[in-house]
């Protein structure tokens, strides 16, 4: 894989992760979501 493409992919992945983390932070305010998350992680 060429270096420029790899760097672009890494940047996109980082941005996607930040967006997901931001929405997850908002969703985590709801206790129901936490309950569902706990039931899936057990």
PDB file of N, CA and C in Angstrom:
ATOM      1  N   UNK A   1       0.858  -1.204   0.000  1.00  0.00           N
ATOM      2  CA  UNK A   1       0.000   0.000   0.000  1.00  0.00           C
ATOM      3  C   UNK A   1       0.887   1.244   0.000  1.00  0.00           C
ATOM      4  N   UNK A   2       0.540   2.220  -0.813  1.00  0.00           N
ATOM      5  CA  UNK A   2       1.414   3.391  -0.850  1.00  0.00           C
ATOM      6  C   UNK A   2       1.180   4.311   0.345  1.00  0.00           C
ATOM      7  N   UNK A   3       2.227   5.030   0.716  1.00  0.00           N
ATOM      8  CA  UNK A   3       2.251   5.763   1.985  1.00  0.00           C
ATOM      9  C   UNK A   3       1.149   6.810   2.088  1.00  0.00           C
ATOM     10  N   UNK A   4       0.902   7.545   0.998  1.00  0.00           N
ATOM     11  CA  UNK A   4      -0.108   8.600   1.037  1.00  0.00           C
ATOM     12  C   UNK A   4      -1.490   8.025   1.293  1.00  0.00           C
ATOM     13  N   UNK A   5      -1.809   6.939   0.617  1.00  0.00           N
ATOM     14  CA  UNK A   5      -3.112   6.310   0.794  1.00  0.00           C
ATOM     15  C   UNK A   5      -3.266   5.808   2.219  1.00  0.00           C
ATOM     16  N   UNK A   6      -2.200   5.211   2.752  1.00  0.00           N
ATOM     17  CA  UNK A   6      -2.258   4.693   4.120  1.00  0.00           C
ATOM     18  C   UNK A   6      -2.501   5.829   5.103  1.00  0.00           C
ATOM     19  N   UNK A   7      -1.829   6.957   4.911  1.00  0.00           N
ATOM     20  CA  UNK A   7      -2.009   8.106   5.795  1.00  0.00           C
ATOM     21  C   UNK A   7      -3.444   8.622   5.718  1.00  0.00           C
ATOM     22  N   UNK A   8      -3.988   8.693   4.505  1.00  0.00           N
ATOM     23  CA  UNK A   8      -5.369   9.157   4.339  1.00  0.00           C
ATOM     24  C   UNK A   8      -6.344   8.225   5.031  1.00  0.00           C
ATOM     25  N   UNK A   9      -6.123   6.929   4.910  1.00  0.00           N
ATOM     26  CA  UNK A   9      -6.997   5.953   5.551  1.00  0.00           C
ATOM     27  C   UNK A   9      -6.937   6.112   7.061  1.00  0.00           C
ATOM     28  N   UNK A  10      -5.736   6.295   7.600  1.00  0.00           N
ATOM     29  CA  UNK A  10      -5.588   6.465   9.045  1.00  0.00           C
ATOM     30  C   UNK A  10      -6.318   7.713   9.527  1.00  0.00           C
ATOM     31  N   UNK A  11      -6.225   8.797   8.750  1.00  0.00           N
ATOM     32  CA  UNK A  11      -6.923  10.033   9.116  1.00  0.00           C
ATOM     33  C   UNK A  11      -8.432   9.820   9.114  1.00  0.00           C
ATOM     34  N   UNK A  12      -8.929   9.123   8.105  1.00  0.00           N
ATOM     35  CA  UNK A  12     -10.369   8.862   8.011  1.00  0.00           C
ATOM     36  C   UNK A  12     -10.831   8.009   9.178  1.00  0.00           C
ATOM     37  N   UNK A  13     -10.040   6.993   9.519  1.00  0.00           N
ATOM     38  CA  UNK A  13     -10.385   6.120  10.639  1.00  0.00           C
ATOM     39  C   UNK A  13     -10.415   6.919  11.939  1.00  0.00           C
ATOM     40  N   UNK A  14      -9.424   7.790  12.130  1.00  0.00           N
ATOM     41  CA  UNK A  14      -9.383   8.606  13.344  1.00  0.00           C
ATOM     42  C   UNK A  14     -10.596   9.525  13.426  1.00  0.00           C
ATOM     43  N   UNK A  15     -10.950  10.156  12.313  1.00  0.00           N
ATOM     44  CA  UNK A  15     -12.116  11.047  12.305  1.00  0.00           C
ATOM     45  C   UNK A  15     -13.393  10.272  12.591  1.00  0.00           C
ATOM     46  N   UNK A  16     -13.514   9.087  11.985  1.00  0.00           N
ATOM     47  CA  UNK A  16     -14.695   8.260  12.208  1.00  0.00           C
ATOM     48  C   UNK A  16     -14.781   7.858  13.676  1.00  0.00           C
ATOM     49  N   UNK A  17     -13.625   7.519  14.266  1.00  0.00           N
ATOM     50  CA  UNK A  17     -13.602   7.130  15.672  1.00  0.00           C
ATOM     51  C   UNK A  17     -14.028   8.293  16.562  1.00  0.00           C
ATOM     52  N   UNK A  18     -13.557   9.497  16.245  1.00  0.00           N
ATOM     53  CA  UNK A  18     -13.931  10.671  17.031  1.00  0.00           C
ATOM     54  C   UNK A  18     -15.432  10.933  16.943  1.00  0.00           C
ATOM     55  N   UNK A  19     -15.987  10.790  15.746  1.00  0.00           N
ATOM     56  CA  UNK A  19     -17.429  10.994  15.573  1.00  0.00           C
ATOM     57  C   UNK A  19     -18.210   9.953  16.367  1.00  0.00           C
ATOM     58  N   UNK A  20     -17.772   8.691  16.278  1.00  0.00           N
ATOM     59  CA  UNK A  20     -18.447   7.623  17.021  1.00  0.00           C
ATOM     60  C   UNK A  20     -18.334   7.857  18.516  1.00  0.00           C
ATOM     61  N   UNK A  21     -17.149   8.274  18.971  1.00  0.00           N
ATOM     62  CA  UNK A  21     -16.946   8.519  20.398  1.00  0.00           C
ATOM     63  C   UNK A  21     -17.834   9.665  20.871  1.00  0.00           C
ATOM     64  N   UNK A  22     -17.975  10.704  20.032  1.00  0.00           N
ATOM     65  CA  UNK A  22     -18.819  11.846  20.384  1.00  0.00           C
ATOM     66  C   UNK A  22     -20.276  11.417  20.534  1.00  0.00           C
ATOM     67  N   UNK A  23     -20.769  10.643  19.570  1.00  0.00           N
ATOM     68  CA  UNK A  23     -22.157  10.189  19.654  1.00  0.00           C
ATOM     69  C   UNK A  23     -22.341   9.205  20.802  1.00  0.00           C
ATOM     70  N   UNK A  24     -21.352   8.348  21.027  1.00  0.00           N
ATOM     71  CA  UNK A  24     -21.435   7.390  22.132  1.00  0.00           C
ATOM     72  C   UNK A  24     -21.525   8.140  23.454  1.00  0.00           C
ATOM     73  N   UNK A  25     -20.771   9.231  23.596  1.00  0.00           N
ATOM     74  CA  UNK A  25     -20.802  10.030  24.819  1.00  0.00           C
ATOM     75  C   UNK A  25     -22.206  10.585  25.054  1.00  0.00           C
ATOM     76  N   UNK A  26     -22.867  11.034  23.984  1.00  0.00           N
ATOM     77  CA  UNK A  26     -24.226  11.573  24.118  1.00  0.00           C
ATOM     78  C   UNK A  26     -25.204  10.457  24.452  1.00  0.00           C
ATOM     79  N   UNK A  27     -25.052   9.316  23.766  1.00  0.00           N
ATOM     80  CA  UNK A  27     -25.967   8.192  23.988  1.00  0.00           C
ATOM     81  C   UNK A  27     -25.817   7.646  25.407  1.00  0.00           C
ATOM     82  N   UNK A  28     -24.581   7.638  25.915  1.00  0.00           N
ATOM     83  CA  UNK A  28     -24.328   7.070  27.238  1.00  0.00           C
ATOM     84  C   UNK A  28     -25.038   7.823  28.354  1.00  0.00           C
ATOM     85  N   UNK A  29     -25.584   8.992  28.045  1.00  0.00           N
ATOM     86  CA  UNK A  29     -26.343   9.721  29.066  1.00  0.00           C
ATOM     87  C   UNK A  29     -27.639   9.002  29.402  1.00  0.00           C
ATOM     88  N   UNK A  30     -28.087   8.127  28.502  1.00  0.00           N
ATOM     89  CA  UNK A  30     -29.338   7.410  28.725  1.00  0.00           C
ATOM     90  C   UNK A  30     -29.078   6.100  29.459  1.00  0.00           C
ATOM     91  N   UNK A  31     -29.647   5.931  30.652  1.00  0.00           N
ATOM     92  CA  UNK A  31     -29.420   4.715  31.446  1.00  0.00           C
ATOM     93  C   UNK A  31     -29.811   3.443  30.701  1.00  0.00           C
ATOM     94  N   UNK A  32     -30.828   3.537  29.844  1.00  0.00           N
ATOM     95  CA  UNK A  32     -31.268   2.360  29.101  1.00  0.00           C
ATOM     96  C   UNK A  32     -30.145   1.817  28.229  1.00  0.00           C
ATOM     97  N   UNK A  33     -29.423   2.729  27.590  1.00  0.00           N
ATOM     98  CA  UNK A  33     -28.319   2.303  26.734  1.00  0.00           C
ATOM     99  C   UNK A  33     -27.238   1.615  27.558  1.00  0.00           C
ATOM    100  N   UNK A  34     -26.957   2.155  28.740  1.00  0.00           N
ATOM    101  CA  UNK A  34     -25.953   1.555  29.623  1.00  0.00           C
ATOM    102  C   UNK A  34     -26.391   0.151  30.027  1.00  0.00           C
ATOM    103  N   UNK A  35     -27.665  -0.005  30.326  1.00  0.00           N
ATOM    104  CA  UNK A  35     -28.189  -1.318  30.701  1.00  0.00           C
ATOM    105  C   UNK A  35     -28.035  -2.310  29.549  1.00  0.00           C
ATOM    106  N   UNK A  36     -28.359  -1.869  28.340  1.00  0.00           N
ATOM    107  CA  UNK A  36     -28.206  -2.738  27.173  1.00  0.00           C
ATOM    108  C   UNK A  36     -26.739  -3.085  26.946  1.00  0.00           C
ATOM    109  N   UNK A  37     -25.873  -2.091  27.094  1.00  0.00           N
ATOM    110  CA  UNK A  37     -24.445  -2.313  26.887  1.00  0.00           C
ATOM    111  C   UNK A  37     -23.910  -3.330  27.888  1.00  0.00           C
ATOM    112  N   UNK A  38     -24.316  -3.182  29.137  1.00  0.00           N
ATOM    113  CA  UNK A  38     -23.863  -4.112  30.170  1.00  0.00           C
ATOM    114  C   UNK A  38     -24.348  -5.529  29.889  1.00  0.00           C
ATOM    115  N   UNK A  39     -25.564  -5.656  29.388  1.00  0.00           N
ATOM    116  CA  UNK A  39     -26.108  -6.988  29.114  1.00  0.00           C
ATOM    117  C   UNK A  39     -25.367  -7.650  27.947  1.00  0.00           C
ATOM    118  N   UNK A  40     -24.884  -6.836  26.996  1.00  0.00           N
ATOM    119  CA  UNK A  40     -24.157  -7.401  25.858  1.00  0.00           C
ATOM    120  C   UNK A  40     -22.716  -7.752  26.221  1.00  0.00           C
ATOM    121  N   UNK A  41     -22.116  -7.000  27.132  1.00  0.00           N
ATOM    122  CA  UNK A  41     -20.711  -7.233  27.459  1.00  0.00           C
ATOM    123  C   UNK A  41     -20.524  -8.394  28.425  1.00  0.00           C
ATOM    124  N   UNK A  42     -21.575  -8.788  29.133  1.00  0.00           N
ATOM    125  CA  UNK A  42     -21.439  -9.906  30.076  1.00  0.00           C
ATOM    126  C   UNK A  42     -21.262 -11.236  29.343  1.00  0.00           C
TER     127      UNK A  42
END
